[in-house]
Amino acid sequence: MMKWSPVRWRSLAIKTAIFVAVIIMLEIAFTKTSIPSSLKILPKPAFGKAYPLPPTDIEIRPGAISMMIVGDSLSQGGEGDWTWRYRLWEWFRREEVMVDFVGPFLGTRPQAVPALNTETLPEPVGIPPVGGAVISTAGYALDVSPDFNPRHFAAVGRAIWEIIPLMAAQVARYQPTYMLILLGFNDMAWSLYTEAEVVAHMLDLVTLARSAKPDIKFAIGNVPLRAPLDEPLTIRTDLYNKLLAEAIPTWGTEDSPVIPVLMRESYSCGGDGCPAGHDGLHPATLGDFEIAHAFSRALIDGYGLGTTELDVPGPWDLPVRPIAIPSNIRTVADGKGVNVTWDMFYGARGYDVQSRVVGEDVWIQWKTQQENEFFLRWPAEEALEMEFKVRMSHGKQEKGEWSRAIGSCRPWSSLSTREKWDWRWWFRRIWTCSWR
């Protein structure tokens, strides 16, 4: 039998110590990166039209009716939406009514990006950001007709009182024959003014538009409910809609009539749920058709534009919004927690994230993320590794499939002295985490 000399034992011990020291140094080096490359915002897919520039001119086809849509997020829409504006445009084409939309904005609201890498986007036009900067650079659904004229005057978060100081200048520039207005929800939600004052603000909007074009014609929608119902908000909305319905007949003139649009009555959102909205308010595919239907009915009855109301498809005939499994999911851990990132998908309304400590059976689902990034602190109890899954979300009704689980181990620098000699951490670091 071969005997080990003291020299050989010392040599083996020294080599082992050097090996462990090198691993520790590498681990510390990798965990001290201030902004890991995996946290950089990944470029969006190259498909999907974007609108980085404002219109430089005003093009109205000979014989076309100019129409301006004024609204908030219900009318602007988000990246990848069809929007009710597009459904109304389709209806005009079928009815052989030549309409050109006008306004300072072209696109929809883009997806949110993590604040770490957010760049300030310029205003599409030189409009004072009364209620915050307007970002209208994102595109529409991929199958939207290339002939669609997307111009509008609608922006996320706008209230009536914010539009008032901008109204006369926009009408003076674009000279629309018709103005379709869908505003008021934010006025109700913020509760800055009484219901009667909000109605008075709507009249101010009409009056200022007329000051720039005395013969402009109006179609004004009422305000929908939000689900689940908020009793104070519902009471305010009901009263506002009642006062608005009573006031509109008194606002019209011979040259500048005003007609009501029963948007709330057409929009299937309220106490029994909200199939029209993807989040309890904002229009999903069904909601786009329902809002456009309400306006088509009002325009036929009030102005003789078109002859047949827009049909709302049944549930099985609605277009399907693209959805996919998130890809390129990566995790970076530090002593505080784990950052999870993934590639953005064009038109995603959000992303759901689940997490669990490795070894546990139950997954915890977190609030839907609007950005392609998620951060979770390490739990209070000892946890050497966590794993995550991500899926696309188009709201409460449309969900994609979950991605495969991606794990992340706690870095060396965050371990206690006892944990640093726990063979389970070394096993997971060298094998499980490295090869997921």
Protein backbone atom coordinates (compact mmCIF):
# COMPACT_ATOMS: atom_id res chain seq x y z
CA MET A 1 0.00 0.00 0.00
CA MET A 2 1.27 3.47 -1.00
CA LYS A 3 1.84 5.83 1.88
CA TRP A 4 1.12 9.57 1.63
CA SER A 5 4.00 11.69 2.79
CA PRO A 6 3.39 14.92 4.74
CA VAL A 7 4.70 16.83 1.71
CA ARG A 8 1.99 15.34 -0.51
CA TRP A 9 -0.74 16.16 2.03
CA ARG A 10 0.47 19.75 2.23
CA SER A 11 0.60 20.02 -1.57
CA LEU A 12 -2.94 18.70 -1.93
CA ALA A 13 -4.22 21.05 0.78
CA ILE A 14 -2.53 24.05 -0.85
CA LYS A 15 -3.95 23.20 -4.29
CA THR A 16 -7.43 22.76 -2.84
CA ALA A 17 -7.22 26.08 -1.00
CA ILE A 18 -6.06 27.83 -4.17
CA PHE A 19 -8.92 26.28 -6.16
CA VAL A 20 -11.52 27.40 -3.58
CA ALA A 21 -9.98 30.88 -3.41
CA VAL A 22 -10.14 31.28 -7.20
CA ILE A 23 -13.82 30.26 -7.27
CA ILE A 24 -14.63 32.68 -4.46
CA MET A 25 -12.83 35.52 -6.24
CA LEU A 26 -14.63 34.82 -9.50
CA GLU A 27 -17.97 34.70 -7.68
CA ILE A 28 -17.32 38.04 -5.98
CA ALA A 29 -16.20 39.61 -9.25
CA PHE A 30 -19.34 38.50 -11.08
CA THR A 31 -21.68 39.69 -8.33
CA LYS A 32 -20.20 43.19 -8.07
CA THR A 33 -21.32 44.34 -11.51
CA SER A 34 -23.26 47.56 -10.96
CA ILE A 35 -25.53 47.29 -14.00
CA PRO A 36 -25.46 43.75 -15.39
CA SER A 37 -25.67 43.46 -19.17
CA SER A 38 -28.78 41.32 -18.83
CA LEU A 39 -30.62 44.33 -17.40
CA LYS A 40 -30.15 46.34 -20.56
CA ILE A 41 -33.45 46.87 -22.33
CA LEU A 42 -33.58 44.63 -25.34
CA PRO A 43 -34.72 46.03 -28.68
CA LYS A 44 -38.29 45.40 -29.67
CA PRO A 45 -39.01 43.17 -32.67
CA ALA A 46 -38.60 44.90 -36.00
CA PHE A 47 -42.20 44.41 -37.06
CA GLY A 48 -45.08 46.75 -36.29
CA LYS A 49 -45.31 50.26 -37.69
CA ALA A 50 -44.13 53.08 -35.45
CA TYR A 51 -44.79 56.79 -35.61
CA PRO A 52 -41.68 58.69 -34.51
CA LEU A 53 -42.51 61.96 -36.31
CA PRO A 54 -45.51 64.30 -36.30
CA PRO A 55 -47.49 65.06 -39.44
CA THR A 56 -45.79 67.87 -41.34
CA ASP A 57 -48.81 68.80 -43.40
CA ILE A 58 -52.58 68.45 -43.48
CA GLU A 59 -53.80 66.22 -46.27
CA ILE A 60 -57.52 66.08 -46.95
CA ARG A 61 -58.63 64.22 -50.05
CA PRO A 62 -60.87 66.15 -52.42
CA GLY A 63 -64.48 65.53 -51.39
CA ALA A 64 -63.51 63.94 -48.06
CA ILE A 65 -65.08 64.86 -44.72
CA SER A 66 -62.51 65.89 -42.11
CA MET A 67 -63.08 64.46 -38.65
CA MET A 68 -61.16 64.93 -35.38
CA ILE A 69 -61.41 62.37 -32.57
CA VAL A 70 -60.72 63.94 -29.17
CA GLY A 71 -60.24 61.67 -26.18
CA ASP A 72 -58.13 59.98 -23.54
CA SER A 73 -56.62 56.48 -23.29
CA LEU A 74 -59.92 54.90 -24.36
CA SER A 75 -59.39 56.50 -27.77
CA GLN A 76 -55.60 56.60 -28.08
CA GLY A 77 -55.10 52.90 -27.39
CA GLY A 78 -51.88 51.04 -26.76
CA GLU A 79 -49.22 49.36 -28.85
CA GLY A 80 -50.68 46.61 -31.02
CA ASP A 81 -54.32 47.70 -30.54
CA TRP A 82 -56.76 48.01 -33.39
CA THR A 83 -58.54 50.87 -31.52
CA TRP A 84 -62.15 51.88 -31.96
CA ARG A 85 -60.92 54.63 -34.28
CA TYR A 86 -59.81 51.97 -36.75
CA ARG A 87 -63.11 50.08 -36.47
CA LEU A 88 -64.99 53.29 -37.18
CA TRP A 89 -62.73 53.98 -40.15
CA GLU A 90 -63.48 50.48 -41.50
CA TRP A 91 -67.20 51.17 -41.11
CA PHE A 92 -66.93 54.44 -43.05
CA ARG A 93 -65.21 52.55 -45.89
CA ARG A 94 -67.96 49.93 -46.00
CA GLU A 95 -70.59 52.67 -45.97
CA GLU A 96 -68.71 54.47 -48.76
CA VAL A 97 -68.41 57.63 -46.69
CA MET A 98 -65.12 59.36 -47.51
CA VAL A 99 -63.65 60.52 -44.19
CA ASP A 100 -60.16 61.75 -43.35
CA PHE A 101 -59.19 61.80 -39.69
CA VAL A 102 -57.19 64.85 -38.60
CA GLY A 103 -55.23 65.74 -35.50
CA PRO A 104 -51.73 66.22 -34.10
CA PHE A 105 -51.06 62.61 -33.10
CA LEU A 106 -50.57 59.49 -35.19
CA GLY A 107 -49.79 56.51 -32.99
CA THR A 108 -50.71 54.63 -29.86
CA ARG A 109 -49.11 54.52 -26.42
CA PRO A 110 -45.93 52.37 -26.43
CA GLN A 111 -45.14 49.71 -23.85
CA ALA A 112 -43.52 50.82 -20.64
CA VAL A 113 -39.80 50.19 -20.26
CA PRO A 114 -37.81 49.87 -17.01
CA ALA A 115 -36.85 53.24 -15.57
CA LEU A 116 -33.18 52.25 -15.52
CA ASN A 117 -32.93 52.66 -19.28
CA THR A 118 -35.87 54.90 -20.10
CA GLU A 119 -35.05 57.68 -22.53
CA THR A 120 -37.18 60.82 -22.71
CA LEU A 121 -39.25 60.70 -25.87
CA PRO A 122 -39.99 63.97 -27.64
CA GLU A 123 -43.49 65.35 -27.99
CA PRO A 124 -45.01 64.37 -31.35
CA VAL A 125 -45.99 68.01 -31.90
CA GLY A 126 -45.45 71.26 -30.08
CA ILE A 127 -48.38 70.90 -27.70
CA PRO A 128 -47.89 71.99 -24.09
CA PRO A 129 -47.83 68.86 -21.89
CA VAL A 130 -50.62 70.13 -19.64
CA GLY A 131 -51.26 66.70 -18.14
CA GLY A 132 -47.81 65.28 -18.72
CA ALA A 133 -45.93 64.45 -21.88
CA VAL A 134 -47.92 62.78 -24.63
CA ILE A 135 -46.20 59.73 -26.10
CA SER A 136 -47.88 58.63 -29.30
CA THR A 137 -45.14 56.78 -31.15
CA ALA A 138 -46.28 53.14 -31.10
CA GLY A 139 -48.04 51.26 -33.87
CA TYR A 140 -51.30 49.40 -34.30
CA ALA A 141 -52.30 45.77 -34.82
CA LEU A 142 -50.19 44.13 -37.50
CA ASP A 143 -53.15 43.52 -39.82
CA VAL A 144 -54.38 47.14 -39.80
CA SER A 145 -54.91 48.34 -43.36
CA PRO A 146 -52.03 50.40 -44.77
CA ASP A 147 -54.69 52.83 -46.01
CA PHE A 148 -55.78 53.65 -42.45
CA ASN A 149 -55.37 57.33 -41.60
CA PRO A 150 -54.54 57.18 -37.87
CA ARG A 151 -54.47 60.90 -36.98
CA HIS A 152 -56.23 61.88 -33.76
CA PHE A 153 -56.21 64.17 -30.73
CA ALA A 154 -56.38 61.62 -27.91
CA ALA A 155 -53.85 60.99 -25.14
CA VAL A 156 -53.58 58.77 -22.09
CA GLY A 157 -54.72 60.44 -18.88
CA ARG A 158 -56.36 63.49 -20.41
CA ALA A 159 -59.26 65.19 -18.65
CA ILE A 160 -61.65 67.72 -20.19
CA TRP A 161 -60.16 70.66 -18.33
CA GLU A 162 -56.72 69.80 -19.72
CA ILE A 163 -57.94 69.86 -23.31
CA ILE A 164 -59.72 73.24 -23.00
CA PRO A 165 -56.62 75.48 -23.42
CA LEU A 166 -55.50 73.42 -26.44
CA MET A 167 -58.81 73.17 -28.28
CA ALA A 168 -59.07 76.40 -30.28
CA ALA A 169 -55.55 76.10 -31.71
CA GLN A 170 -56.10 72.52 -32.86
CA VAL A 171 -59.41 73.31 -34.53
CA ALA A 172 -57.91 76.40 -36.15
CA ARG A 173 -55.11 74.31 -37.61
CA TYR A 174 -57.06 71.29 -38.82
CA GLN A 175 -60.52 72.78 -39.47
CA PRO A 176 -62.45 69.52 -38.92
CA THR A 177 -66.00 69.28 -40.19
CA TYR A 178 -66.90 66.90 -37.36
CA MET A 179 -65.52 66.45 -33.87
CA LEU A 180 -66.09 63.18 -32.01
CA ILE A 181 -65.46 63.58 -28.28
CA LEU A 182 -64.99 60.78 -25.76
CA LEU A 183 -63.79 62.38 -22.53
CA GLY A 184 -64.86 62.52 -18.91
CA PHE A 185 -63.74 59.33 -17.21
CA ASN A 186 -60.58 60.91 -15.78
CA ASP A 187 -62.59 63.92 -14.60
CA MET A 188 -64.86 61.55 -12.68
CA ALA A 189 -62.00 59.44 -11.32
CA TRP A 190 -59.91 62.36 -10.08
CA SER A 191 -62.86 64.14 -8.41
CA LEU A 192 -61.28 67.56 -8.84
CA TYR A 193 -64.57 69.13 -9.91
CA THR A 194 -68.25 68.49 -9.32
CA GLU A 195 -70.31 66.73 -11.96
CA ALA A 196 -71.98 70.01 -12.94
CA GLU A 197 -68.58 71.70 -13.29
CA VAL A 198 -67.35 68.91 -15.56
CA VAL A 199 -70.41 69.38 -17.78
CA ALA A 200 -69.61 73.11 -17.86
CA HIS A 201 -66.05 72.22 -18.92
CA MET A 202 -67.44 70.19 -21.80
CA LEU A 203 -69.47 73.21 -22.89
CA ASP A 204 -66.30 75.33 -22.71
CA LEU A 205 -64.63 72.80 -25.01
CA VAL A 206 -67.49 73.11 -27.51
CA THR A 207 -67.47 76.89 -27.32
CA LEU A 208 -63.72 77.17 -27.91
CA ALA A 209 -63.89 74.80 -30.87
CA ARG A 210 -66.64 76.94 -32.36
CA SER A 211 -64.54 80.06 -31.89
CA ALA A 212 -62.09 78.59 -34.42
CA LYS A 213 -64.72 77.05 -36.72
CA PRO A 214 -68.30 78.29 -36.20
CA ASP A 215 -69.91 75.51 -38.25
CA ILE A 216 -68.17 72.52 -36.65
CA LYS A 217 -70.45 69.59 -35.80
CA PHE A 218 -70.13 67.57 -32.59
CA ALA A 219 -70.84 64.03 -31.38
CA ILE A 220 -70.18 63.69 -27.63
CA GLY A 221 -70.01 60.35 -25.85
CA ASN A 222 -70.98 59.77 -22.24
CA VAL A 223 -68.78 57.98 -19.69
CA PRO A 224 -68.61 54.19 -19.16
CA LEU A 225 -68.47 52.38 -15.84
CA ARG A 226 -65.43 50.56 -14.54
CA ALA A 227 -65.42 47.00 -13.20
CA PRO A 228 -65.31 46.06 -10.44
CA LEU A 229 -67.72 48.79 -9.50
CA ASP A 230 -66.55 51.62 -7.28
CA GLU A 231 -69.70 52.95 -5.62
CA PRO A 232 -68.62 56.62 -5.26
CA LEU A 233 -67.26 56.64 -8.83
CA THR A 234 -70.43 54.98 -10.13
CA ILE A 235 -72.62 57.58 -8.42
CA ARG A 236 -70.54 60.42 -9.87
CA THR A 237 -70.58 58.89 -13.34
CA ASP A 238 -74.34 58.34 -13.29
CA LEU A 239 -74.96 61.94 -12.25
CA TYR A 240 -72.55 63.32 -14.84
CA ASN A 241 -74.15 61.26 -17.62
CA LYS A 242 -77.59 62.46 -16.55
CA LEU A 243 -76.54 66.13 -16.52
CA LEU A 244 -74.72 65.74 -19.85
CA ALA A 245 -77.80 64.18 -21.48
CA GLU A 246 -79.93 67.08 -20.28
CA ALA A 247 -77.43 69.71 -21.41
CA ILE A 248 -76.46 68.51 -24.90
CA PRO A 249 -79.83 69.35 -26.54
CA THR A 250 -79.38 72.97 -25.41
CA TRP A 251 -75.87 73.38 -26.86
CA GLY A 252 -76.61 73.01 -30.54
CA THR A 253 -76.95 75.85 -33.03
CA GLU A 254 -78.24 75.85 -36.59
CA ASP A 255 -74.71 75.85 -38.00
CA SER A 256 -73.08 73.79 -35.25
CA PRO A 257 -75.29 70.98 -33.95
CA VAL A 258 -74.35 68.74 -31.02
CA ILE A 259 -75.58 65.15 -30.71
CA PRO A 260 -75.16 62.63 -27.88
CA VAL A 261 -73.42 59.27 -28.23
CA LEU A 262 -74.66 56.59 -25.85
CA MET A 263 -71.28 54.99 -25.35
CA ARG A 264 -71.98 53.66 -21.87
CA GLU A 265 -75.17 51.93 -23.02
CA SER A 266 -73.26 50.16 -25.80
CA TYR A 267 -70.18 49.26 -23.76
CA SER A 268 -70.46 45.94 -21.91
CA CYS A 269 -68.64 46.94 -18.74
CA GLY A 270 -70.16 47.29 -15.30
CA GLY A 271 -71.39 45.34 -12.31
CA ASP A 272 -71.50 41.97 -14.12
CA GLY A 273 -67.93 42.20 -15.36
CA CYS A 274 -66.24 43.84 -18.27
CA PRO A 275 -65.97 41.69 -21.41
CA ALA A 276 -65.50 44.92 -23.38
CA GLY A 277 -62.34 45.90 -21.47
CA HIS A 278 -59.05 44.11 -20.98
CA ASP A 279 -58.52 45.63 -17.53
CA GLY A 280 -62.00 46.49 -16.35
CA LEU A 281 -62.16 49.68 -18.41
CA HIS A 282 -59.92 50.11 -21.47
CA PRO A 283 -61.28 48.53 -24.64
CA ALA A 284 -60.26 45.05 -25.63
CA THR A 285 -61.10 43.77 -29.10
CA LEU A 286 -64.83 43.62 -28.27
CA GLY A 287 -64.77 47.08 -26.72
CA ASP A 288 -63.32 48.62 -29.88
CA PHE A 289 -66.29 47.37 -31.86
CA GLU A 290 -68.81 48.46 -29.22
CA ILE A 291 -67.53 52.04 -29.03
CA ALA A 292 -67.39 52.31 -32.81
CA HIS A 293 -70.92 50.89 -32.94
CA ALA A 294 -72.19 53.61 -30.58
CA PHE A 295 -70.68 56.35 -32.73
CA SER A 296 -71.92 54.81 -35.98
CA ARG A 297 -75.47 54.78 -34.62
CA ALA A 298 -75.24 58.42 -33.51
CA LEU A 299 -73.73 59.58 -36.81
CA ILE A 300 -76.46 57.85 -38.80
CA ASP A 301 -79.29 59.19 -36.65
CA GLY A 302 -77.88 62.66 -36.12
CA TYR A 303 -76.06 63.49 -39.34
CA GLY A 304 -77.06 60.90 -41.94
CA LEU A 305 -73.49 59.61 -42.27
CA GLY A 306 -73.93 56.02 -43.40
CA THR A 307 -77.08 53.93 -43.48
CA THR A 308 -76.32 50.69 -41.60
CA GLU A 309 -74.95 50.59 -38.06
CA LEU A 310 -71.63 48.90 -37.45
CA ASP A 311 -72.14 45.25 -36.52
CA VAL A 312 -70.47 43.97 -33.35
CA PRO A 313 -69.06 40.45 -33.98
CA GLY A 314 -69.97 37.56 -31.72
CA PRO A 315 -67.36 36.13 -29.32
CA TRP A 316 -66.20 33.48 -31.79
CA ASP A 317 -65.80 35.96 -34.64
CA LEU A 318 -63.62 38.50 -32.86
CA PRO A 319 -60.05 38.88 -34.15
CA VAL A 320 -57.46 37.14 -32.00
CA ARG A 321 -54.62 39.19 -30.62
CA PRO A 322 -51.15 37.61 -31.11
CA ILE A 323 -49.64 36.09 -27.99
CA ALA A 324 -46.40 34.21 -27.39
CA ILE A 325 -44.24 32.61 -24.70
CA PRO A 326 -41.66 35.15 -23.44
CA SER A 327 -38.14 34.39 -24.60
CA ASN A 328 -34.57 35.16 -23.57
CA ILE A 329 -35.43 35.16 -19.85
CA ARG A 330 -32.41 35.96 -17.72
CA THR A 331 -31.77 36.38 -14.03
CA VAL A 332 -29.08 38.36 -12.22
CA ALA A 333 -28.80 38.05 -8.44
CA ASP A 334 -27.16 40.25 -5.86
CA GLY A 335 -27.29 40.41 -2.09
CA LYS A 336 -30.69 42.12 -2.11
CA GLY A 337 -32.60 39.98 -4.56
CA VAL A 338 -33.02 38.85 -8.17
CA ASN A 339 -33.60 40.88 -11.32
CA VAL A 340 -35.49 39.00 -14.02
CA THR A 341 -35.59 40.33 -17.60
CA TRP A 342 -37.00 39.04 -20.87
CA ASP A 343 -37.50 40.22 -24.45
CA MET A 344 -40.41 42.58 -25.09
CA PHE A 345 -43.09 41.27 -27.43
CA TYR A 346 -44.85 43.70 -29.75
CA GLY A 347 -48.33 44.51 -28.52
CA ALA A 348 -48.05 42.88 -25.09
CA ARG A 349 -50.27 44.63 -22.55
CA GLY A 350 -48.27 43.21 -19.66
CA TYR A 351 -46.45 40.20 -18.28
CA ASP A 352 -47.32 37.88 -15.40
CA VAL A 353 -44.52 36.55 -13.18
CA GLN A 354 -44.48 33.59 -10.80
CA SER A 355 -41.74 32.72 -8.32
CA ARG A 356 -40.91 30.12 -5.70
CA VAL A 357 -38.03 29.06 -3.52
CA VAL A 358 -36.47 25.95 -5.00
CA GLY A 359 -37.74 22.95 -3.08
CA GLU A 360 -41.19 24.40 -2.42
CA ASP A 361 -44.27 23.25 -4.31
CA VAL A 362 -46.34 26.43 -4.39
CA TRP A 363 -45.74 29.14 -6.99
CA ILE A 364 -46.47 32.74 -5.96
CA GLN A 365 -48.02 34.89 -8.70
CA TRP A 366 -47.25 38.61 -8.60
CA LYS A 367 -49.12 41.62 -9.91
CA THR A 368 -48.99 41.95 -13.70
CA GLN A 369 -45.85 43.81 -14.76
CA GLN A 370 -46.08 46.58 -17.34
CA GLU A 371 -42.36 46.37 -18.06
CA ASN A 372 -40.14 43.53 -19.22
CA GLU A 373 -38.36 43.45 -15.87
CA PHE A 374 -39.15 42.12 -12.40
CA PHE A 375 -37.23 42.43 -9.14
CA LEU A 376 -37.81 40.24 -6.08
CA ARG A 377 -36.00 40.43 -2.76
CA TRP A 378 -34.64 37.29 -1.20
CA PRO A 379 -37.13 35.97 1.35
CA ALA A 380 -36.42 36.46 5.05
CA GLU A 381 -35.88 32.77 5.63
CA GLU A 382 -32.75 31.11 4.31
CA ALA A 383 -33.13 30.50 0.57
CA LEU A 384 -30.23 29.47 -1.59
CA GLU A 385 -32.09 29.56 -4.91
CA MET A 386 -35.31 30.92 -6.42
CA GLU A 387 -36.86 30.21 -9.78
CA PHE A 388 -39.21 32.20 -12.00
CA LYS A 389 -41.70 31.79 -14.83
CA VAL A 390 -43.11 34.50 -17.12
CA ARG A 391 -46.09 34.69 -19.44
CA MET A 392 -47.63 37.35 -21.68
CA SER A 393 -50.86 39.01 -20.59
CA HIS A 394 -53.42 40.82 -22.72
CA GLY A 395 -55.50 41.65 -19.67
CA LYS A 396 -57.74 39.62 -17.40
CA GLN A 397 -59.22 37.55 -20.22
CA GLU A 398 -56.27 36.68 -22.47
CA LYS A 399 -53.19 34.92 -21.09
CA GLY A 400 -50.34 33.16 -22.83
CA GLU A 401 -48.50 30.01 -21.76
CA TRP A 402 -45.89 30.06 -19.01
CA SER A 403 -42.23 29.98 -19.91
CA ARG A 404 -39.95 27.27 -18.54
CA ALA A 405 -38.61 27.87 -15.04
CA ILE A 406 -35.42 29.92 -14.78
CA GLY A 407 -33.38 29.74 -11.56
CA SER A 408 -31.00 32.09 -9.78
CA CYS A 409 -28.73 31.36 -6.80
CA ARG A 410 -27.78 33.75 -4.05
CA PRO A 411 -24.33 35.22 -4.66
CA TRP A 412 -21.38 34.38 -2.44
CA SER A 413 -21.25 37.88 -0.97
CA SER A 414 -24.74 37.56 0.54
CA LEU A 415 -24.17 34.24 2.28
CA SER A 416 -23.57 33.85 5.98
CA THR A 417 -20.39 32.14 7.15
CA ARG A 418 -22.28 28.92 7.80
CA GLU A 419 -24.00 29.06 4.39
CA LYS A 420 -20.70 29.51 2.58
CA TRP A 421 -19.73 25.99 3.64
CA ASP A 422 -23.14 24.51 2.76
CA TRP A 423 -22.51 21.91 0.06
CA ARG A 424 -26.02 22.54 -1.35
CA TRP A 425 -25.07 26.08 -2.40
CA TRP A 426 -21.94 24.84 -4.15
CA PHE A 427 -23.88 22.10 -5.90
CA ARG A 428 -26.56 24.51 -7.12
CA ARG A 429 -24.07 27.15 -8.17
CA ILE A 430 -21.85 24.80 -10.12
CA TRP A 431 -24.61 22.69 -11.61
CA THR A 432 -28.25 23.79 -11.25
CA CYS A 433 -28.00 27.56 -11.70
CA SER A 434 -25.25 27.45 -14.25
CA TRP A 435 -27.08 25.16 -16.61
CA ARG A 436 -30.68 26.36 -16.42
